[in-house]
Amino acid sequence: MAELPIINDIRRALDGRFAARETALMRGRLAIRSSANAIRALHRREWDVADAMIAEADAARDEILAALESQPVMLHAAFVADAVKELAEAHLTRALFLGRPLPGPDQLRIDVVPWLHGFGEAVGEMRRRLLDLLREGSVDEAESLLEGMDDIVDQLATIDYPDGMTNGLRRTTDVARSLTERSRADLTATVVQERLRRTLEDG
């Protein structure tokens, strides 16, 4: 049986989809790597380095969107969601550390679901920052950070939709809540120890 013309059309369509997928995969890996490097720089308070890494991740996102413009069905693929979730986490961590307004999904040109996951995972970065602050003796700043962690968990708890719609957001929220409670315990222990130290010194 001779090959049907429609099979040739399907092959061409899949060739285009495959090429777009390969480009998006490659740029997605760059977005993930640059976002991780940005977060590391944020913890070191290397703001200019972090901004450069975030800009690199933004450029990679733009290339992903351009590559998939003719393949919209792939925009919700797991590898795309993973890349833009890391991008969201980097942007949101930067805003939370610097006390800036949070960039929303539209501003970041990403879907709402990976944005929410990035929001939840930023709590882990806030816990790491909080522990650093406690080691430095910056208890007031750590308390402010804990309030921010509480706010994020409260906001995420209002997103009550099936896991199939939110890609398992409940688990991300549960992890964020657990990290927040552990941070509260660490902060409380530090405050109690500091009060005891002052009492002993005054006595």
C-alpha atoms as a PDB file:
ATOM      1  CA  MET A   1       0.000   0.000   0.000  1.00  0.00           C
ATOM      2  CA  ALA A   2       1.371   3.373  -0.993  1.00  0.00           C
ATOM      3  CA  GLU A   3       1.879   5.887   1.790  1.00  0.00           C
ATOM      4  CA  LEU A   4      -1.162   8.082   2.214  1.00  0.00           C
ATOM      5  CA  PRO A   5      -0.699  11.823   1.604  1.00  0.00           C
ATOM      6  CA  ILE A   6      -2.240  12.485   5.007  1.00  0.00           C
ATOM      7  CA  ILE A   7       0.601  10.532   6.628  1.00  0.00           C
ATOM      8  CA  ASN A   8       3.091  12.876   4.993  1.00  0.00           C
ATOM      9  CA  ASP A   9       1.146  15.835   6.405  1.00  0.00           C
ATOM     10  CA  ILE A  10       1.135  14.284   9.866  1.00  0.00           C
ATOM     11  CA  ARG A  11       4.867  13.581   9.672  1.00  0.00           C
ATOM     12  CA  ARG A  12       5.572  17.201   8.747  1.00  0.00           C
ATOM     13  CA  ALA A  13       3.409  18.385  11.630  1.00  0.00           C
ATOM     14  CA  LEU A  14       5.227  16.107  14.053  1.00  0.00           C
ATOM     15  CA  ASP A  15       8.609  17.169  12.659  1.00  0.00           C
ATOM     16  CA  GLY A  16       7.708  20.763  13.481  1.00  0.00           C
ATOM     17  CA  ARG A  17       6.475  19.780  16.924  1.00  0.00           C
ATOM     18  CA  PHE A  18       9.651  17.808  17.610  1.00  0.00           C
ATOM     19  CA  ALA A  19      11.902  20.698  16.550  1.00  0.00           C
ATOM     20  CA  ALA A  20       9.963  23.095  18.781  1.00  0.00           C
ATOM     21  CA  ARG A  21      10.165  20.630  21.664  1.00  0.00           C
ATOM     22  CA  GLU A  22      13.955  20.282  21.356  1.00  0.00           C
ATOM     23  CA  THR A  23      14.422  24.053  21.368  1.00  0.00           C
ATOM     24  CA  ALA A  24      12.114  24.463  24.348  1.00  0.00           C
ATOM     25  CA  LEU A  25      13.862  21.663  26.249  1.00  0.00           C
ATOM     26  CA  MET A  26      17.285  23.217  25.681  1.00  0.00           C
ATOM     27  CA  ARG A  27      16.182  26.710  26.673  1.00  0.00           C
ATOM     28  CA  GLY A  28      14.208  25.290  29.584  1.00  0.00           C
ATOM     29  CA  ARG A  29      17.381  23.764  31.007  1.00  0.00           C
ATOM     30  CA  LEU A  30      19.036  27.180  30.736  1.00  0.00           C
ATOM     31  CA  ALA A  31      16.092  28.854  32.494  1.00  0.00           C
ATOM     32  CA  ILE A  32      16.303  26.356  35.359  1.00  0.00           C
ATOM     33  CA  ARG A  33      20.076  26.729  35.704  1.00  0.00           C
ATOM     34  CA  SER A  34      19.993  30.533  35.552  1.00  0.00           C
ATOM     35  CA  SER A  35      17.126  30.723  38.056  1.00  0.00           C
ATOM     36  CA  ALA A  36      18.996  28.486  40.510  1.00  0.00           C
ATOM     37  CA  ASN A  37      22.124  30.614  40.136  1.00  0.00           C
ATOM     38  CA  ALA A  38      20.037  33.739  40.714  1.00  0.00           C
ATOM     39  CA  ILE A  39      18.658  32.347  43.969  1.00  0.00           C
ATOM     40  CA  ARG A  40      22.138  31.429  45.168  1.00  0.00           C
ATOM     41  CA  ALA A  41      23.273  34.987  44.419  1.00  0.00           C
ATOM     42  CA  LEU A  42      20.275  36.380  46.304  1.00  0.00           C
ATOM     43  CA  HIS A  43      21.298  34.464  49.409  1.00  0.00           C
ATOM     44  CA  ARG A  44      24.788  35.944  49.086  1.00  0.00           C
ATOM     45  CA  ARG A  45      23.207  39.404  48.661  1.00  0.00           C
ATOM     46  CA  GLU A  46      24.857  39.720  45.261  1.00  0.00           C
ATOM     47  CA  TRP A  47      21.950  41.660  43.819  1.00  0.00           C
ATOM     48  CA  ASP A  48      23.557  42.585  40.494  1.00  0.00           C
ATOM     49  CA  VAL A  49      24.593  38.998  39.831  1.00  0.00           C
ATOM     50  CA  ALA A  50      21.095  37.803  40.695  1.00  0.00           C
ATOM     51  CA  ASP A  51      19.533  40.355  38.345  1.00  0.00           C
ATOM     52  CA  ALA A  52      21.813  39.231  35.517  1.00  0.00           C
ATOM     53  CA  MET A  53      20.908  35.584  36.073  1.00  0.00           C
ATOM     54  CA  ILE A  54      17.193  36.391  36.201  1.00  0.00           C
ATOM     55  CA  ALA A  55      17.505  38.345  32.962  1.00  0.00           C
ATOM     56  CA  GLU A  56      19.166  35.303  31.394  1.00  0.00           C
ATOM     57  CA  ALA A  57      16.308  33.103  32.585  1.00  0.00           C
ATOM     58  CA  ASP A  58      13.789  35.615  31.219  1.00  0.00           C
ATOM     59  CA  ALA A  59      15.490  35.495  27.822  1.00  0.00           C
ATOM     60  CA  ALA A  60      15.321  31.697  27.864  1.00  0.00           C
ATOM     61  CA  ARG A  61      11.607  31.882  28.656  1.00  0.00           C
ATOM     62  CA  ASP A  62      11.079  34.209  25.714  1.00  0.00           C
ATOM     63  CA  GLU A  63      12.825  31.728  23.431  1.00  0.00           C
ATOM     64  CA  ILE A  64      10.619  28.922  24.753  1.00  0.00           C
ATOM     65  CA  LEU A  65       7.493  30.947  24.036  1.00  0.00           C
ATOM     66  CA  ALA A  66       8.733  31.824  20.561  1.00  0.00           C
ATOM     67  CA  ALA A  67       9.581  28.191  19.795  1.00  0.00           C
ATOM     68  CA  LEU A  68       6.139  27.016  20.932  1.00  0.00           C
ATOM     69  CA  GLU A  69       4.127  29.813  19.381  1.00  0.00           C
ATOM     70  CA  SER A  70       2.988  27.455  16.620  1.00  0.00           C
ATOM     71  CA  GLN A  71       2.641  24.559  19.095  1.00  0.00           C
ATOM     72  CA  PRO A  72       0.361  25.926  21.850  1.00  0.00           C
ATOM     73  CA  VAL A  73      -0.574  22.418  22.936  1.00  0.00           C
ATOM     74  CA  MET A  74       2.962  22.052  24.310  1.00  0.00           C
ATOM     75  CA  LEU A  75       2.890  25.163  26.470  1.00  0.00           C
ATOM     76  CA  HIS A  76       1.490  23.120  29.359  1.00  0.00           C
ATOM     77  CA  ALA A  77       3.992  20.281  29.007  1.00  0.00           C
ATOM     78  CA  ALA A  78       5.767  19.261  32.209  1.00  0.00           C
ATOM     79  CA  PHE A  79       9.197  20.393  30.990  1.00  0.00           C
ATOM     80  CA  VAL A  80       7.869  23.871  30.250  1.00  0.00           C
ATOM     81  CA  ALA A  81       6.053  24.080  33.584  1.00  0.00           C
ATOM     82  CA  ASP A  82       9.210  23.050  35.451  1.00  0.00           C
ATOM     83  CA  ALA A  83      11.295  25.715  33.733  1.00  0.00           C
ATOM     84  CA  VAL A  84       8.891  28.597  34.291  1.00  0.00           C
ATOM     85  CA  LYS A  85       8.200  27.478  37.879  1.00  0.00           C
ATOM     86  CA  GLU A  86      11.903  27.940  38.638  1.00  0.00           C
ATOM     87  CA  LEU A  87      11.807  31.303  36.898  1.00  0.00           C
ATOM     88  CA  ALA A  88       8.834  32.349  39.026  1.00  0.00           C
ATOM     89  CA  GLU A  89      10.598  31.198  42.183  1.00  0.00           C
ATOM     90  CA  ALA A  90      13.654  33.312  41.357  1.00  0.00           C
ATOM     91  CA  HIS A  91      11.575  36.419  40.629  1.00  0.00           C
ATOM     92  CA  LEU A  92       9.398  35.968  43.702  1.00  0.00           C
ATOM     93  CA  THR A  93      12.336  35.236  46.012  1.00  0.00           C
ATOM     94  CA  ARG A  94      14.027  38.423  44.825  1.00  0.00           C
ATOM     95  CA  ALA A  95      10.875  40.462  45.479  1.00  0.00           C
ATOM     96  CA  LEU A  96      10.344  38.896  48.904  1.00  0.00           C
ATOM     97  CA  PHE A  97      13.957  39.447  49.980  1.00  0.00           C
ATOM     98  CA  LEU A  98      13.944  43.064  48.847  1.00  0.00           C
ATOM     99  CA  GLY A  99      10.432  43.937  49.974  1.00  0.00           C
ATOM    100  CA  ARG A 100       9.309  44.656  46.412  1.00  0.00           C
ATOM    101  CA  PRO A 101       5.855  44.074  44.847  1.00  0.00           C
ATOM    102  CA  LEU A 102       5.389  40.488  43.691  1.00  0.00           C
ATOM    103  CA  PRO A 103       5.424  40.036  39.899  1.00  0.00           C
ATOM    104  CA  GLY A 104       2.305  38.181  38.783  1.00  0.00           C
ATOM    105  CA  PRO A 105       1.902  35.470  36.148  1.00  0.00           C
ATOM    106  CA  ASP A 106       1.014  37.945  33.410  1.00  0.00           C
ATOM    107  CA  GLN A 107       4.080  40.063  34.140  1.00  0.00           C
ATOM    108  CA  LEU A 108       6.285  36.959  34.023  1.00  0.00           C
ATOM    109  CA  ARG A 109       4.467  35.640  30.922  1.00  0.00           C
ATOM    110  CA  ILE A 110       3.777  32.273  32.518  1.00  0.00           C
ATOM    111  CA  ASP A 111       0.756  30.186  33.436  1.00  0.00           C
ATOM    112  CA  VAL A 112      -0.844  30.642  36.856  1.00  0.00           C
ATOM    113  CA  VAL A 113      -0.157  27.073  38.026  1.00  0.00           C
ATOM    114  CA  PRO A 114       3.661  27.108  37.831  1.00  0.00           C
ATOM    115  CA  TRP A 115       3.537  30.624  39.314  1.00  0.00           C
ATOM    116  CA  LEU A 116       1.693  29.255  42.348  1.00  0.00           C
ATOM    117  CA  HIS A 117       4.217  26.458  42.730  1.00  0.00           C
ATOM    118  CA  GLY A 118       7.066  28.948  42.491  1.00  0.00           C
ATOM    119  CA  PHE A 119       5.310  31.045  45.136  1.00  0.00           C
ATOM    120  CA  GLY A 120       5.097  28.054  47.444  1.00  0.00           C
ATOM    121  CA  GLU A 121       8.685  26.981  46.877  1.00  0.00           C
ATOM    122  CA  ALA A 122       9.917  30.492  47.658  1.00  0.00           C
ATOM    123  CA  VAL A 123       9.014  29.673  51.276  1.00  0.00           C
ATOM    124  CA  GLY A 124      11.960  27.272  51.340  1.00  0.00           C
ATOM    125  CA  GLU A 125      14.280  30.090  50.307  1.00  0.00           C
ATOM    126  CA  MET A 126      12.762  32.328  52.975  1.00  0.00           C
ATOM    127  CA  ARG A 127      13.426  29.668  55.605  1.00  0.00           C
ATOM    128  CA  ARG A 128      17.050  29.468  54.511  1.00  0.00           C
ATOM    129  CA  ARG A 129      17.288  33.258  54.748  1.00  0.00           C
ATOM    130  CA  LEU A 130      15.593  33.224  58.154  1.00  0.00           C
ATOM    131  CA  LEU A 131      18.149  30.761  59.522  1.00  0.00           C
ATOM    132  CA  ASP A 132      20.954  32.957  58.210  1.00  0.00           C
ATOM    133  CA  LEU A 133      19.390  35.951  59.962  1.00  0.00           C
ATOM    134  CA  LEU A 134      19.124  34.064  63.238  1.00  0.00           C
ATOM    135  CA  ARG A 135      22.801  33.160  63.045  1.00  0.00           C
ATOM    136  CA  GLU A 136      23.562  36.829  62.491  1.00  0.00           C
ATOM    137  CA  GLY A 137      21.421  37.823  65.473  1.00  0.00           C
ATOM    138  CA  SER A 138      18.913  39.731  63.317  1.00  0.00           C
ATOM    139  CA  VAL A 139      15.846  38.506  65.180  1.00  0.00           C
ATOM    140  CA  ASP A 140      13.525  41.375  64.189  1.00  0.00           C
ATOM    141  CA  GLU A 141      14.217  40.847  60.501  1.00  0.00           C
ATOM    142  CA  ALA A 142      13.722  37.103  60.948  1.00  0.00           C
ATOM    143  CA  GLU A 143      10.342  37.748  62.582  1.00  0.00           C
ATOM    144  CA  SER A 144       9.310  39.874  59.610  1.00  0.00           C
ATOM    145  CA  LEU A 145      10.363  37.109  57.253  1.00  0.00           C
ATOM    146  CA  LEU A 146       8.317  34.564  59.204  1.00  0.00           C
ATOM    147  CA  GLU A 147       5.268  36.802  58.854  1.00  0.00           C
ATOM    148  CA  GLY A 148       5.819  36.745  55.108  1.00  0.00           C
ATOM    149  CA  MET A 149       6.020  32.952  55.128  1.00  0.00           C
ATOM    150  CA  ASP A 150       2.742  32.798  57.068  1.00  0.00           C
ATOM    151  CA  ASP A 151       1.118  35.093  54.521  1.00  0.00           C
ATOM    152  CA  ILE A 152       2.196  32.886  51.609  1.00  0.00           C
ATOM    153  CA  VAL A 153       0.839  29.731  53.237  1.00  0.00           C
ATOM    154  CA  ASP A 154      -2.448  31.498  54.004  1.00  0.00           C
ATOM    155  CA  GLN A 155      -2.751  32.700  50.401  1.00  0.00           C
ATOM    156  CA  LEU A 156      -1.980  29.274  48.947  1.00  0.00           C
ATOM    157  CA  ALA A 157      -4.528  27.652  51.253  1.00  0.00           C
ATOM    158  CA  THR A 158      -7.271  29.654  49.503  1.00  0.00           C
ATOM    159  CA  ILE A 159      -6.512  27.945  46.173  1.00  0.00           C
ATOM    160  CA  ASP A 160      -8.899  25.018  46.587  1.00  0.00           C
ATOM    161  CA  TYR A 161      -9.119  23.219  43.272  1.00  0.00           C
ATOM    162  CA  PRO A 162      -8.592  19.593  42.209  1.00  0.00           C
ATOM    163  CA  ASP A 163      -4.957  18.477  42.096  1.00  0.00           C
ATOM    164  CA  GLY A 164      -5.384  17.668  38.414  1.00  0.00           C
ATOM    165  CA  MET A 165      -5.943  21.368  37.757  1.00  0.00           C
ATOM    166  CA  THR A 166      -3.166  22.651  40.006  1.00  0.00           C
ATOM    167  CA  ASN A 167      -0.561  19.932  39.437  1.00  0.00           C
ATOM    168  CA  GLY A 168      -0.551  18.890  43.089  1.00  0.00           C
ATOM    169  CA  LEU A 169      -0.487  22.346  44.646  1.00  0.00           C
ATOM    170  CA  ARG A 170      -1.793  20.965  47.944  1.00  0.00           C
ATOM    171  CA  ARG A 171       1.481  19.117  48.462  1.00  0.00           C
ATOM    172  CA  THR A 172       3.497  22.273  47.748  1.00  0.00           C
ATOM    173  CA  THR A 173       1.301  24.131  50.231  1.00  0.00           C
ATOM    174  CA  ASP A 174       1.743  21.403  52.855  1.00  0.00           C
ATOM    175  CA  VAL A 175       5.528  21.539  52.464  1.00  0.00           C
ATOM    176  CA  ALA A 176       5.471  25.340  52.752  1.00  0.00           C
ATOM    177  CA  ARG A 177       3.340  25.075  55.903  1.00  0.00           C
ATOM    178  CA  SER A 178       5.731  22.532  57.438  1.00  0.00           C
ATOM    179  CA  LEU A 179       8.760  24.741  56.674  1.00  0.00           C
ATOM    180  CA  THR A 180       6.978  27.722  58.190  1.00  0.00           C
ATOM    181  CA  GLU A 181       6.194  25.858  61.414  1.00  0.00           C
ATOM    182  CA  ARG A 182       9.769  24.623  61.696  1.00  0.00           C
ATOM    183  CA  SER A 183      10.955  28.195  61.194  1.00  0.00           C
ATOM    184  CA  ARG A 184       8.568  29.406  63.898  1.00  0.00           C
ATOM    185  CA  ALA A 185      10.050  26.863  66.290  1.00  0.00           C
ATOM    186  CA  ASP A 186      13.600  27.930  65.407  1.00  0.00           C
ATOM    187  CA  LEU A 187      12.740  31.589  65.884  1.00  0.00           C
ATOM    188  CA  THR A 188      10.985  30.928  69.187  1.00  0.00           C
ATOM    189  CA  ALA A 189      13.954  28.947  70.491  1.00  0.00           C
ATOM    190  CA  THR A 190      16.308  31.756  69.543  1.00  0.00           C
ATOM    191  CA  VAL A 191      14.149  34.403  71.238  1.00  0.00           C
ATOM    192  CA  VAL A 192      13.888  32.322  74.425  1.00  0.00           C
ATOM    193  CA  GLN A 193      17.637  31.732  74.490  1.00  0.00           C
ATOM    194  CA  GLU A 194      18.306  35.436  73.989  1.00  0.00           C
ATOM    195  CA  ARG A 195      15.957  36.374  76.834  1.00  0.00           C
ATOM    196  CA  LEU A 196      17.625  33.824  79.107  1.00  0.00           C
ATOM    197  CA  ARG A 197      21.049  35.168  78.211  1.00  0.00           C
ATOM    198  CA  ARG A 198      19.971  38.729  79.037  1.00  0.00           C
ATOM    199  CA  THR A 199      18.435  37.610  82.322  1.00  0.00           C
ATOM    200  CA  LEU A 200      21.638  35.869  83.331  1.00  0.00           C
ATOM    201  CA  GLU A 201      23.706  38.901  82.347  1.00  0.00           C
ATOM    202  CA  ASP A 202      21.428  41.275  84.280  1.00  0.00           C
ATOM    203  CA  GLY A 203      21.474  38.992  87.304  1.00  0.00           C
END
